[in-house]
Amino acid sequence: MTRTLTELSSEERESVVSTVHKEAEASGWSQLSNSRKSALYSAWESHFDLSHTTLKDG
């Protein structure tokens, strides 16, 4: 079962947000195809045990 942001401590939430933003920026997010963005979301979902919606809207 995936977690939601309310289940994360503030420190963990900040760490997730920071990591995702850094990795997205490093990958050239605005230039990526939708399939590559989807692959990154899938990797983050697995790594952080969070849903796509939580990552996208969080």
PDB file of N, CA and C in Angstrom:
ATOM      1  N   MET A   1       0.849  -1.182   0.000  1.00  0.00           N
ATOM      2  CA  MET A   1       0.000   0.000   0.000  1.00  0.00           C
ATOM      3  C   MET A   1       0.891   1.241   0.000  1.00  0.00           C
ATOM      4  N   THR A   2       0.624   2.151  -0.887  1.00  0.00           N
ATOM      5  CA  THR A   2       1.431   3.363  -0.961  1.00  0.00           C
ATOM      6  C   THR A   2       1.040   4.338   0.131  1.00  0.00           C
ATOM      7  N   ARG A   3       1.976   5.180   0.444  1.00  0.00           N
ATOM      8  CA  ARG A   3       1.767   6.170   1.502  1.00  0.00           C
ATOM      9  C   ARG A   3       1.266   7.478   0.902  1.00  0.00           C
ATOM     10  N   THR A   4       0.770   8.343   1.777  1.00  0.00           N
ATOM     11  CA  THR A   4       0.375   9.694   1.382  1.00  0.00           C
ATOM     12  C   THR A   4       1.295  10.678   2.089  1.00  0.00           C
ATOM     13  N   LEU A   5       1.251  11.928   1.672  1.00  0.00           N
ATOM     14  CA  LEU A   5       2.121  12.932   2.287  1.00  0.00           C
ATOM     15  C   LEU A   5       1.831  13.121   3.769  1.00  0.00           C
ATOM     16  N   THR A   6       0.582  12.926   4.169  1.00  0.00           N
ATOM     17  CA  THR A   6       0.247  13.101   5.584  1.00  0.00           C
ATOM     18  C   THR A   6       0.880  12.024   6.455  1.00  0.00           C
ATOM     19  N   GLU A   7       1.301  10.928   5.851  1.00  0.00           N
ATOM     20  CA  GLU A   7       1.946   9.850   6.600  1.00  0.00           C
ATOM     21  C   GLU A   7       3.451  10.055   6.747  1.00  0.00           C
ATOM     22  N   LEU A   8       3.981  11.059   6.103  1.00  0.00           N
ATOM     23  CA  LEU A   8       5.417  11.334   6.164  1.00  0.00           C
ATOM     24  C   LEU A   8       5.714  12.375   7.234  1.00  0.00           C
ATOM     25  N   SER A   9       6.859  12.234   7.858  1.00  0.00           N
ATOM     26  CA  SER A   9       7.302  13.293   8.764  1.00  0.00           C
ATOM     27  C   SER A   9       7.666  14.503   7.912  1.00  0.00           C
ATOM     28  N   SER A  10       7.726  15.657   8.518  1.00  0.00           N
ATOM     29  CA  SER A  10       8.077  16.862   7.753  1.00  0.00           C
ATOM     30  C   SER A  10       9.472  16.739   7.159  1.00  0.00           C
ATOM     31  N   GLU A  11      10.389  16.100   7.887  1.00  0.00           N
ATOM     32  CA  GLU A  11      11.751  15.921   7.375  1.00  0.00           C
ATOM     33  C   GLU A  11      11.759  14.999   6.159  1.00  0.00           C
ATOM     34  N   GLU A  12      10.991  13.906   6.244  1.00  0.00           N
ATOM     35  CA  GLU A  12      10.944  12.975   5.120  1.00  0.00           C
ATOM     36  C   GLU A  12      10.279  13.624   3.910  1.00  0.00           C
ATOM     37  N   ARG A  13       9.229  14.387   4.154  1.00  0.00           N
ATOM     38  CA  ARG A  13       8.546  15.062   3.042  1.00  0.00           C
ATOM     39  C   ARG A  13       9.506  16.026   2.343  1.00  0.00           C
ATOM     40  N   GLU A  14      10.234  16.808   3.112  1.00  0.00           N
ATOM     41  CA  GLU A  14      11.201  17.745   2.526  1.00  0.00           C
ATOM     42  C   GLU A  14      12.275  17.004   1.736  1.00  0.00           C
ATOM     43  N   SER A  15      12.707  15.869   2.247  1.00  0.00           N
ATOM     44  CA  SER A  15      13.713  15.069   1.558  1.00  0.00           C
ATOM     45  C   SER A  15      13.183  14.543   0.228  1.00  0.00           C
ATOM     46  N   VAL A  16      11.953  14.046   0.225  1.00  0.00           N
ATOM     47  CA  VAL A  16      11.337  13.544  -1.005  1.00  0.00           C
ATOM     48  C   VAL A  16      11.213  14.671  -2.022  1.00  0.00           C
ATOM     49  N   VAL A  17      10.672  15.791  -1.605  1.00  0.00           N
ATOM     50  CA  VAL A  17      10.482  16.930  -2.512  1.00  0.00           C
ATOM     51  C   VAL A  17      11.823  17.392  -3.074  1.00  0.00           C
ATOM     52  N   SER A  18      12.814  17.516  -2.220  1.00  0.00           N
ATOM     53  CA  SER A  18      14.134  17.961  -2.653  1.00  0.00           C
ATOM     54  C   SER A  18      14.743  16.989  -3.663  1.00  0.00           C
ATOM     55  N   THR A  19      14.669  15.708  -3.360  1.00  0.00           N
ATOM     56  CA  THR A  19      15.239  14.695  -4.252  1.00  0.00           C
ATOM     57  C   THR A  19      14.546  14.692  -5.605  1.00  0.00           C
ATOM     58  N   VAL A  20      13.223  14.702  -5.596  1.00  0.00           N
ATOM     59  CA  VAL A  20      12.469  14.677  -6.851  1.00  0.00           C
ATOM     60  C   VAL A  20      12.772  15.925  -7.678  1.00  0.00           C
ATOM     61  N   HIS A  21      12.796  17.078  -7.048  1.00  0.00           N
ATOM     62  CA  HIS A  21      13.087  18.315  -7.784  1.00  0.00           C
ATOM     63  C   HIS A  21      14.495  18.294  -8.372  1.00  0.00           C
ATOM     64  N   LYS A  22      15.468  17.855  -7.594  1.00  0.00           N
ATOM     65  CA  LYS A  22      16.851  17.797  -8.088  1.00  0.00           C
ATOM     66  C   LYS A  22      16.985  16.830  -9.258  1.00  0.00           C
ATOM     67  N   GLU A  23      16.386  15.649  -9.129  1.00  0.00           N
ATOM     68  CA  GLU A  23      16.479  14.660 -10.202  1.00  0.00           C
ATOM     69  C   GLU A  23      15.732  15.113 -11.450  1.00  0.00           C
ATOM     70  N   ALA A  24      14.595  15.751 -11.270  1.00  0.00           N
ATOM     71  CA  ALA A  24      13.838  16.256 -12.419  1.00  0.00           C
ATOM     72  C   ALA A  24      14.635  17.338 -13.142  1.00  0.00           C
ATOM     73  N   GLU A  25      15.207  18.246 -12.376  1.00  0.00           N
ATOM     74  CA  GLU A  25      16.009  19.317 -12.977  1.00  0.00           C
ATOM     75  C   GLU A  25      17.231  18.748 -13.690  1.00  0.00           C
ATOM     76  N   ALA A  26      17.894  17.793 -13.065  1.00  0.00           N
ATOM     77  CA  ALA A  26      19.094  17.199 -13.657  1.00  0.00           C
ATOM     78  C   ALA A  26      18.782  16.437 -14.945  1.00  0.00           C
ATOM     79  N   SER A  27      17.564  15.939 -15.064  1.00  0.00           N
ATOM     80  CA  SER A  27      17.183  15.172 -16.254  1.00  0.00           C
ATOM     81  C   SER A  27      16.696  16.057 -17.394  1.00  0.00           C
ATOM     82  N   GLY A  28      16.593  17.365 -17.136  1.00  0.00           N
ATOM     83  CA  GLY A  28      16.078  18.270 -18.159  1.00  0.00           C
ATOM     84  C   GLY A  28      14.581  18.086 -18.353  1.00  0.00           C
ATOM     85  N   TRP A  29      13.868  18.065 -17.240  1.00  0.00           N
ATOM     86  CA  TRP A  29      12.444  17.730 -17.194  1.00  0.00           C
ATOM     87  C   TRP A  29      11.619  18.367 -18.305  1.00  0.00           C
ATOM     88  N   SER A  30      11.779  19.645 -18.536  1.00  0.00           N
ATOM     89  CA  SER A  30      10.931  20.340 -19.516  1.00  0.00           C
ATOM     90  C   SER A  30      11.163  19.846 -20.943  1.00  0.00           C
ATOM     91  N   GLN A  31      12.291  19.197 -21.177  1.00  0.00           N
ATOM     92  CA  GLN A  31      12.609  18.698 -22.515  1.00  0.00           C
ATOM     93  C   GLN A  31      12.305  17.210 -22.689  1.00  0.00           C
ATOM     94  N   LEU A  32      11.869  16.540 -21.626  1.00  0.00           N
ATOM     95  CA  LEU A  32      11.649  15.099 -21.685  1.00  0.00           C
ATOM     96  C   LEU A  32      10.328  14.745 -22.361  1.00  0.00           C
ATOM     97  N   SER A  33      10.328  13.584 -22.998  1.00  0.00           N
ATOM     98  CA  SER A  33       9.085  13.057 -23.568  1.00  0.00           C
ATOM     99  C   SER A  33       8.189  12.574 -22.432  1.00  0.00           C
ATOM    100  N   ASN A  34       6.920  12.427 -22.726  1.00  0.00           N
ATOM    101  CA  ASN A  34       5.985  11.939 -21.716  1.00  0.00           C
ATOM    102  C   ASN A  34       6.361  10.547 -21.228  1.00  0.00           C
ATOM    103  N   SER A  35       6.873   9.709 -22.118  1.00  0.00           N
ATOM    104  CA  SER A  35       7.243   8.353 -21.695  1.00  0.00           C
ATOM    105  C   SER A  35       8.430   8.382 -20.739  1.00  0.00           C
ATOM    106  N   ARG A  36       9.365   9.286 -20.952  1.00  0.00           N
ATOM    107  CA  ARG A  36      10.510   9.397 -20.037  1.00  0.00           C
ATOM    108  C   ARG A  36      10.063   9.968 -18.691  1.00  0.00           C
ATOM    109  N   LYS A  37       9.173  10.957 -18.706  1.00  0.00           N
ATOM    110  CA  LYS A  37       8.631  11.492 -17.452  1.00  0.00           C
ATOM    111  C   LYS A  37       7.910  10.392 -16.683  1.00  0.00           C
ATOM    112  N   SER A  38       7.144   9.581 -17.396  1.00  0.00           N
ATOM    113  CA  SER A  38       6.425   8.479 -16.770  1.00  0.00           C
ATOM    114  C   SER A  38       7.391   7.491 -16.126  1.00  0.00           C
ATOM    115  N   ALA A  39       8.503   7.228 -16.784  1.00  0.00           N
ATOM    116  CA  ALA A  39       9.509   6.315 -16.230  1.00  0.00           C
ATOM    117  C   ALA A  39      10.114   6.885 -14.947  1.00  0.00           C
ATOM    118  N   LEU A  40      10.360   8.183 -14.927  1.00  0.00           N
ATOM    119  CA  LEU A  40      10.887   8.806 -13.708  1.00  0.00           C
ATOM    120  C   LEU A  40       9.863   8.745 -12.581  1.00  0.00           C
ATOM    121  N   TYR A  41       8.607   9.049 -12.883  1.00  0.00           N
ATOM    122  CA  TYR A  41       7.560   8.945 -11.863  1.00  0.00           C
ATOM    123  C   TYR A  41       7.499   7.525 -11.303  1.00  0.00           C
ATOM    124  N   SER A  42       7.561   6.534 -12.172  1.00  0.00           N
ATOM    125  CA  SER A  42       7.513   5.136 -11.722  1.00  0.00           C
ATOM    126  C   SER A  42       8.672   4.815 -10.794  1.00  0.00           C
ATOM    127  N   ALA A  43       9.850   5.300 -11.132  1.00  0.00           N
ATOM    128  CA  ALA A  43      11.019   5.066 -10.280  1.00  0.00           C
ATOM    129  C   ALA A  43      10.837   5.728  -8.920  1.00  0.00           C
ATOM    130  N   TRP A  44      10.343   6.955  -8.911  1.00  0.00           N
ATOM    131  CA  TRP A  44      10.120   7.659  -7.640  1.00  0.00           C
ATOM    132  C   TRP A  44       9.017   6.989  -6.827  1.00  0.00           C
ATOM    133  N   GLU A  45       7.963   6.540  -7.503  1.00  0.00           N
ATOM    134  CA  GLU A  45       6.881   5.843  -6.801  1.00  0.00           C
ATOM    135  C   GLU A  45       7.422   4.624  -6.070  1.00  0.00           C
ATOM    136  N   SER A  46       8.242   3.846  -6.748  1.00  0.00           N
ATOM    137  CA  SER A  46       8.828   2.647  -6.135  1.00  0.00           C
ATOM    138  C   SER A  46       9.800   3.009  -5.024  1.00  0.00           C
ATOM    139  N   HIS A  47      10.653   3.961  -5.288  1.00  0.00           N
ATOM    140  CA  HIS A  47      11.689   4.341  -4.317  1.00  0.00           C
ATOM    141  C   HIS A  47      11.094   4.903  -3.029  1.00  0.00           C
ATOM    142  N   PHE A  48      10.111   5.770  -3.152  1.00  0.00           N
ATOM    143  CA  PHE A  48       9.548   6.452  -1.984  1.00  0.00           C
ATOM    144  C   PHE A  48       8.253   5.816  -1.469  1.00  0.00           C
ATOM    145  N   ASP A  49       7.734   4.802  -2.171  1.00  0.00           N
ATOM    146  CA  ASP A  49       6.472   4.152  -1.808  1.00  0.00           C
ATOM    147  C   ASP A  49       5.334   5.176  -1.735  1.00  0.00           C
ATOM    148  N   LEU A  50       5.257   6.009  -2.762  1.00  0.00           N
ATOM    149  CA  LEU A  50       4.214   7.031  -2.869  1.00  0.00           C
ATOM    150  C   LEU A  50       3.508   6.871  -4.207  1.00  0.00           C
ATOM    151  N   SER A  51       2.263   7.289  -4.269  1.00  0.00           N
ATOM    152  CA  SER A  51       1.506   7.196  -5.518  1.00  0.00           C
ATOM    153  C   SER A  51       1.941   8.288  -6.499  1.00  0.00           C
ATOM    154  N   HIS A  52       1.610   8.058  -7.752  1.00  0.00           N
ATOM    155  CA  HIS A  52       1.895   9.049  -8.793  1.00  0.00           C
ATOM    156  C   HIS A  52       1.228  10.380  -8.451  1.00  0.00           C
ATOM    157  N   THR A  53      -0.025  10.314  -8.040  1.00  0.00           N
ATOM    158  CA  THR A  53      -0.772  11.529  -7.697  1.00  0.00           C
ATOM    159  C   THR A  53      -0.113  12.276  -6.549  1.00  0.00           C
ATOM    160  N   THR A  54       0.319  11.550  -5.538  1.00  0.00           N
ATOM    161  CA  THR A  54       0.981  12.190  -4.396  1.00  0.00           C
ATOM    162  C   THR A  54       2.247  12.894  -4.841  1.00  0.00           C
ATOM    163  N   LEU A  55       3.034  12.234  -5.675  1.00  0.00           N
ATOM    164  CA  LEU A  55       4.272  12.851  -6.155  1.00  0.00           C
ATOM    165  C   LEU A  55       3.980  14.056  -7.041  1.00  0.00           C
ATOM    166  N   LYS A  56       3.013  13.932  -7.909  1.00  0.00           N
ATOM    167  CA  LYS A  56       2.712  15.005  -8.852  1.00  0.00           C
ATOM    168  C   LYS A  56       2.091  16.213  -8.166  1.00  0.00           C
ATOM    169  N   ASP A  57       1.165  15.968  -7.248  1.00  0.00           N
ATOM    170  CA  ASP A  57       0.432  17.055  -6.611  1.00  0.00           C
ATOM    171  C   ASP A  57       1.051  17.518  -5.304  1.00  0.00           C
ATOM    172  N   GLY A  58       1.974  16.721  -4.788  1.00  0.00           N
ATOM    173  CA  GLY A  58       2.568  17.031  -3.488  1.00  0.00           C
ATOM    174  C   GLY A  58       3.564  18.106  -3.589  1.00  0.00           C
TER     175      GLY A  58
END
